[in-house]
Each structure stands twice: as C-alpha cells, then as structure tokens.
Amino acid sequence: MTTSLPAAAIEKTDRTVVADQPDNKDYQVGVYKINLKKNYYAGTGVGVNDGKVYIPVALRRNYDKDHAIELQANIDTQGKVDGGQIMWKVGF
C-alpha cells in the first residue's frame, strides 16, 4: 500500500519530531516540523567615506539556508540618507 504525504510533512527543516497520538483516532502519529534558523537580521554601525562619517543601517533576509539579500542605507550626521546598497549573499 502506498501513501502520499503532504509536501509540508517531507520538507527539510532543522528538526522533525514524530510523536505518538494514541487519543487521536484519525492520526495516531503527529509530525512536527521545527525551523530553528532566523530569517531576518537588522544591524547598524559607523562608517567613514571620503572623510565623512555615516551610520549604516542594514536589514537582511535569509530566504534559504545558504542565500540572503541585504539592504543597507547610509545615514549622514544630519539624519538624511546619503547612499546605500543592496547585496545578494551566498553562504559557503
């Protein structure tokens, strides 16, 4: 007998817990998928370019285990955005 599982039950995650559910007549086994990775990061710091001080403010989204995209805005000492960048990142 072949059974098919929903895609969510077989997707790769950090942890999978299979637990008996003897009181549940429809499903005697429960499959719980646990994702431990953090998907968003925010950061700031201090930078200098051509003798001018700026504050980089960054937001990063990890959309895959080894891939992320990051948006950075450079804020000058008067509080206005004076530049920025978008980066695509690959982990290895």
N, C-alpha and C. Protein backbone atom coordinates (compact mmCIF):
# COMPACT_ATOMS: atom_id res chain seq x y z
N MET A 1 0.85 -1.18 0.00
CA MET A 1 0.00 0.00 0.00
C MET A 1 0.89 1.24 0.00
N THR A 2 0.66 2.16 -0.90
CA THR A 2 1.42 3.39 -1.00
C THR A 2 0.59 4.54 -0.47
N THR A 3 1.19 5.31 0.40
CA THR A 3 0.51 6.51 0.89
C THR A 3 1.30 7.72 0.46
N SER A 4 0.62 8.79 0.26
CA SER A 4 1.31 10.03 -0.09
C SER A 4 1.19 11.00 1.07
N LEU A 5 2.29 11.69 1.30
CA LEU A 5 2.32 12.67 2.38
C LEU A 5 2.24 14.07 1.79
N PRO A 6 1.68 15.00 2.55
CA PRO A 6 1.68 16.37 2.07
C PRO A 6 3.11 16.91 1.99
N ALA A 7 3.33 17.87 1.12
CA ALA A 7 4.67 18.43 0.94
C ALA A 7 5.23 18.99 2.24
N ALA A 8 4.39 19.58 3.08
CA ALA A 8 4.86 20.14 4.35
C ALA A 8 5.44 19.07 5.28
N ALA A 9 4.98 17.84 5.16
CA ALA A 9 5.47 16.77 6.04
C ALA A 9 6.84 16.27 5.65
N ILE A 10 7.23 16.45 4.38
CA ILE A 10 8.52 15.92 3.94
C ILE A 10 9.54 17.02 3.64
N GLU A 11 9.15 18.31 3.81
CA GLU A 11 10.11 19.37 3.55
C GLU A 11 11.25 19.33 4.56
N LYS A 12 12.42 19.81 4.15
CA LYS A 12 13.58 19.80 5.01
C LYS A 12 13.51 20.95 6.00
N THR A 13 13.69 20.62 7.27
CA THR A 13 13.75 21.62 8.33
C THR A 13 14.87 21.25 9.28
N ASP A 14 15.11 22.11 10.27
CA ASP A 14 16.19 21.84 11.22
C ASP A 14 15.91 20.63 12.11
N ARG A 15 14.69 20.45 12.50
CA ARG A 15 14.32 19.32 13.36
C ARG A 15 12.94 18.80 12.94
N THR A 16 12.76 17.50 13.07
CA THR A 16 11.47 16.89 12.85
C THR A 16 11.17 16.01 14.06
N VAL A 17 10.01 16.20 14.64
CA VAL A 17 9.60 15.41 15.80
C VAL A 17 8.40 14.57 15.38
N VAL A 18 8.49 13.27 15.62
CA VAL A 18 7.38 12.35 15.37
C VAL A 18 6.89 11.86 16.72
N ALA A 19 5.63 12.11 17.01
CA ALA A 19 5.09 11.79 18.34
C ALA A 19 3.83 10.94 18.21
N ASP A 20 3.72 9.96 19.09
CA ASP A 20 2.50 9.15 19.15
C ASP A 20 1.34 10.00 19.63
N GLN A 21 0.18 9.77 19.05
CA GLN A 21 -1.05 10.44 19.47
C GLN A 21 -2.11 9.38 19.67
N PRO A 22 -2.01 8.58 20.72
CA PRO A 22 -2.94 7.44 20.89
C PRO A 22 -4.40 7.86 21.06
N ASP A 23 -4.65 9.07 21.53
CA ASP A 23 -6.02 9.52 21.74
C ASP A 23 -6.68 10.04 20.47
N ASN A 24 -5.91 10.25 19.43
CA ASN A 24 -6.45 10.78 18.18
C ASN A 24 -6.75 9.59 17.25
N LYS A 25 -8.04 9.37 16.98
CA LYS A 25 -8.43 8.21 16.17
C LYS A 25 -8.11 8.40 14.69
N ASP A 26 -8.03 9.65 14.24
CA ASP A 26 -7.75 9.90 12.83
C ASP A 26 -6.26 9.83 12.52
N TYR A 27 -5.44 10.33 13.43
CA TYR A 27 -3.99 10.38 13.21
C TYR A 27 -3.29 9.86 14.46
N GLN A 28 -2.75 8.64 14.39
CA GLN A 28 -2.08 8.07 15.54
C GLN A 28 -0.65 8.59 15.72
N VAL A 29 -0.14 9.24 14.69
CA VAL A 29 1.21 9.79 14.76
C VAL A 29 1.15 11.25 14.31
N GLY A 30 1.82 12.12 15.07
CA GLY A 30 1.90 13.53 14.70
C GLY A 30 3.32 13.86 14.24
N VAL A 31 3.43 14.60 13.16
CA VAL A 31 4.74 15.02 12.64
C VAL A 31 4.82 16.53 12.81
N TYR A 32 5.83 16.97 13.56
CA TYR A 32 6.01 18.39 13.85
C TYR A 32 7.32 18.86 13.25
N LYS A 33 7.26 19.86 12.39
CA LYS A 33 8.44 20.40 11.73
C LYS A 33 8.89 21.65 12.50
N ILE A 34 10.17 21.72 12.85
CA ILE A 34 10.71 22.82 13.63
C ILE A 34 11.82 23.49 12.82
N ASN A 35 11.69 24.77 12.59
CA ASN A 35 12.69 25.54 11.87
C ASN A 35 13.40 26.45 12.87
N LEU A 36 14.69 26.23 13.11
CA LEU A 36 15.44 26.98 14.10
C LEU A 36 16.19 28.18 13.53
N LYS A 37 16.25 28.30 12.22
CA LYS A 37 17.03 29.40 11.66
C LYS A 37 16.27 30.71 11.77
N LYS A 38 17.02 31.76 11.92
CA LYS A 38 16.45 33.10 11.97
C LYS A 38 16.44 33.65 10.56
N ASN A 39 15.32 34.20 10.15
CA ASN A 39 15.19 34.66 8.78
C ASN A 39 15.52 36.13 8.57
N TYR A 40 15.44 36.93 9.61
CA TYR A 40 15.70 38.36 9.48
C TYR A 40 16.79 38.80 10.44
N TYR A 41 17.63 39.72 9.99
CA TYR A 41 18.66 40.33 10.83
C TYR A 41 18.64 41.83 10.57
N ALA A 42 18.85 42.62 11.61
CA ALA A 42 18.99 44.06 11.49
C ALA A 42 20.32 44.44 12.13
N GLY A 43 20.96 45.47 11.60
CA GLY A 43 22.23 45.87 12.17
C GLY A 43 22.55 47.32 11.88
N THR A 44 23.49 47.85 12.62
CA THR A 44 23.96 49.21 12.42
C THR A 44 25.42 49.30 12.83
N GLY A 45 26.03 50.40 12.54
CA GLY A 45 27.44 50.59 12.88
C GLY A 45 27.85 52.02 12.58
N VAL A 46 29.13 52.21 12.32
CA VAL A 46 29.68 53.52 11.98
C VAL A 46 30.62 53.32 10.81
N GLY A 47 30.55 54.22 9.84
CA GLY A 47 31.43 54.14 8.68
C GLY A 47 32.02 55.50 8.34
N VAL A 48 33.07 55.47 7.55
CA VAL A 48 33.70 56.69 7.07
C VAL A 48 33.98 56.53 5.59
N ASN A 49 33.61 57.56 4.80
CA ASN A 49 33.87 57.55 3.36
C ASN A 49 34.25 58.97 2.95
N ASP A 50 35.40 59.12 2.32
CA ASP A 50 35.90 60.44 1.91
C ASP A 50 35.94 61.41 3.08
N GLY A 51 36.30 60.92 4.26
CA GLY A 51 36.40 61.77 5.45
C GLY A 51 35.08 62.10 6.11
N LYS A 52 33.97 61.61 5.57
CA LYS A 52 32.65 61.88 6.14
C LYS A 52 32.17 60.67 6.94
N VAL A 53 31.66 60.93 8.12
CA VAL A 53 31.15 59.87 8.99
C VAL A 53 29.69 59.59 8.62
N TYR A 54 29.33 58.33 8.59
CA TYR A 54 27.94 57.96 8.34
C TYR A 54 27.58 56.75 9.20
N ILE A 55 26.28 56.51 9.33
CA ILE A 55 25.77 55.37 10.09
C ILE A 55 25.08 54.43 9.11
N PRO A 56 25.65 53.24 8.88
CA PRO A 56 24.96 52.27 8.03
C PRO A 56 23.87 51.55 8.83
N VAL A 57 22.69 51.46 8.26
CA VAL A 57 21.57 50.71 8.86
C VAL A 57 21.20 49.62 7.86
N ALA A 58 21.23 48.36 8.31
CA ALA A 58 21.04 47.24 7.38
C ALA A 58 19.90 46.34 7.84
N LEU A 59 19.22 45.77 6.85
CA LEU A 59 18.21 44.74 7.08
C LEU A 59 18.51 43.59 6.15
N ARG A 60 18.64 42.39 6.71
CA ARG A 60 18.98 41.20 5.92
C ARG A 60 17.87 40.16 6.05
N ARG A 61 17.54 39.54 4.93
CA ARG A 61 16.54 38.47 4.90
C ARG A 61 17.19 37.20 4.37
N ASN A 62 17.28 36.18 5.22
CA ASN A 62 17.76 34.87 4.79
C ASN A 62 16.56 34.12 4.20
N TYR A 63 16.55 33.95 2.90
CA TYR A 63 15.41 33.29 2.26
C TYR A 63 15.69 31.82 1.96
N ASP A 64 16.90 31.36 2.29
CA ASP A 64 17.28 29.97 2.08
C ASP A 64 18.41 29.68 3.05
N LYS A 65 18.77 28.42 3.20
CA LYS A 65 19.86 28.05 4.11
C LYS A 65 21.16 28.76 3.76
N ASP A 66 21.45 28.92 2.49
CA ASP A 66 22.72 29.49 2.04
C ASP A 66 22.58 30.79 1.25
N HIS A 67 21.41 31.43 1.28
CA HIS A 67 21.21 32.63 0.48
C HIS A 67 20.49 33.71 1.28
N ALA A 68 20.90 34.94 1.05
CA ALA A 68 20.27 36.08 1.72
C ALA A 68 20.33 37.30 0.82
N ILE A 69 19.49 38.26 1.13
CA ILE A 69 19.56 39.56 0.47
C ILE A 69 19.59 40.61 1.57
N GLU A 70 20.41 41.64 1.37
CA GLU A 70 20.58 42.67 2.39
C GLU A 70 20.43 44.05 1.78
N LEU A 71 19.70 44.91 2.46
CA LEU A 71 19.51 46.29 2.07
C LEU A 71 20.21 47.15 3.12
N GLN A 72 21.05 48.08 2.67
CA GLN A 72 21.75 48.95 3.59
C GLN A 72 21.53 50.40 3.18
N ALA A 73 21.18 51.25 4.14
CA ALA A 73 21.04 52.69 3.92
C ALA A 73 22.12 53.39 4.75
N ASN A 74 22.80 54.35 4.14
CA ASN A 74 23.83 55.12 4.83
C ASN A 74 23.23 56.48 5.24
N ILE A 75 23.22 56.75 6.53
CA ILE A 75 22.62 57.96 7.06
C ILE A 75 23.74 58.90 7.51
N ASP A 76 23.70 60.15 7.02
CA ASP A 76 24.75 61.09 7.39
C ASP A 76 24.50 61.66 8.79
N THR A 77 25.42 62.54 9.24
CA THR A 77 25.32 63.06 10.61
C THR A 77 24.16 64.03 10.78
N GLN A 78 23.54 64.50 9.69
CA GLN A 78 22.35 65.36 9.79
C GLN A 78 21.06 64.54 9.78
N GLY A 79 21.16 63.22 9.62
CA GLY A 79 19.99 62.34 9.69
C GLY A 79 19.35 62.03 8.35
N LYS A 80 19.94 62.43 7.23
CA LYS A 80 19.34 62.10 5.93
C LYS A 80 20.11 60.96 5.26
N VAL A 81 19.41 60.21 4.44
CA VAL A 81 20.02 59.08 3.73
C VAL A 81 20.96 59.64 2.66
N ASP A 82 22.22 59.22 2.72
CA ASP A 82 23.25 59.76 1.83
C ASP A 82 23.81 58.68 0.89
N GLY A 83 23.20 57.53 0.85
CA GLY A 83 23.67 56.45 -0.01
C GLY A 83 23.15 55.12 0.50
N GLY A 84 23.53 54.06 -0.18
CA GLY A 84 23.10 52.75 0.25
C GLY A 84 23.51 51.69 -0.75
N GLN A 85 23.08 50.48 -0.47
CA GLN A 85 23.40 49.36 -1.35
C GLN A 85 22.45 48.21 -1.10
N ILE A 86 22.36 47.35 -2.09
CA ILE A 86 21.64 46.08 -1.98
C ILE A 86 22.63 44.99 -2.31
N MET A 87 22.70 43.97 -1.45
CA MET A 87 23.65 42.87 -1.68
C MET A 87 22.91 41.55 -1.67
N TRP A 88 23.31 40.68 -2.58
CA TRP A 88 22.87 39.29 -2.59
C TRP A 88 24.01 38.48 -1.99
N LYS A 89 23.71 37.62 -1.01
CA LYS A 89 24.75 36.89 -0.28
C LYS A 89 24.59 35.39 -0.46
N VAL A 90 25.73 34.71 -0.53
CA VAL A 90 25.77 33.25 -0.65
C VAL A 90 26.66 32.72 0.46
N GLY A 91 26.19 31.74 1.22
CA GLY A 91 26.99 31.11 2.25
C GLY A 91 27.73 29.90 1.68
N PHE A 92 28.93 29.69 2.17
CA PHE A 92 29.72 28.52 1.73
C PHE A 92 30.61 28.04 2.83
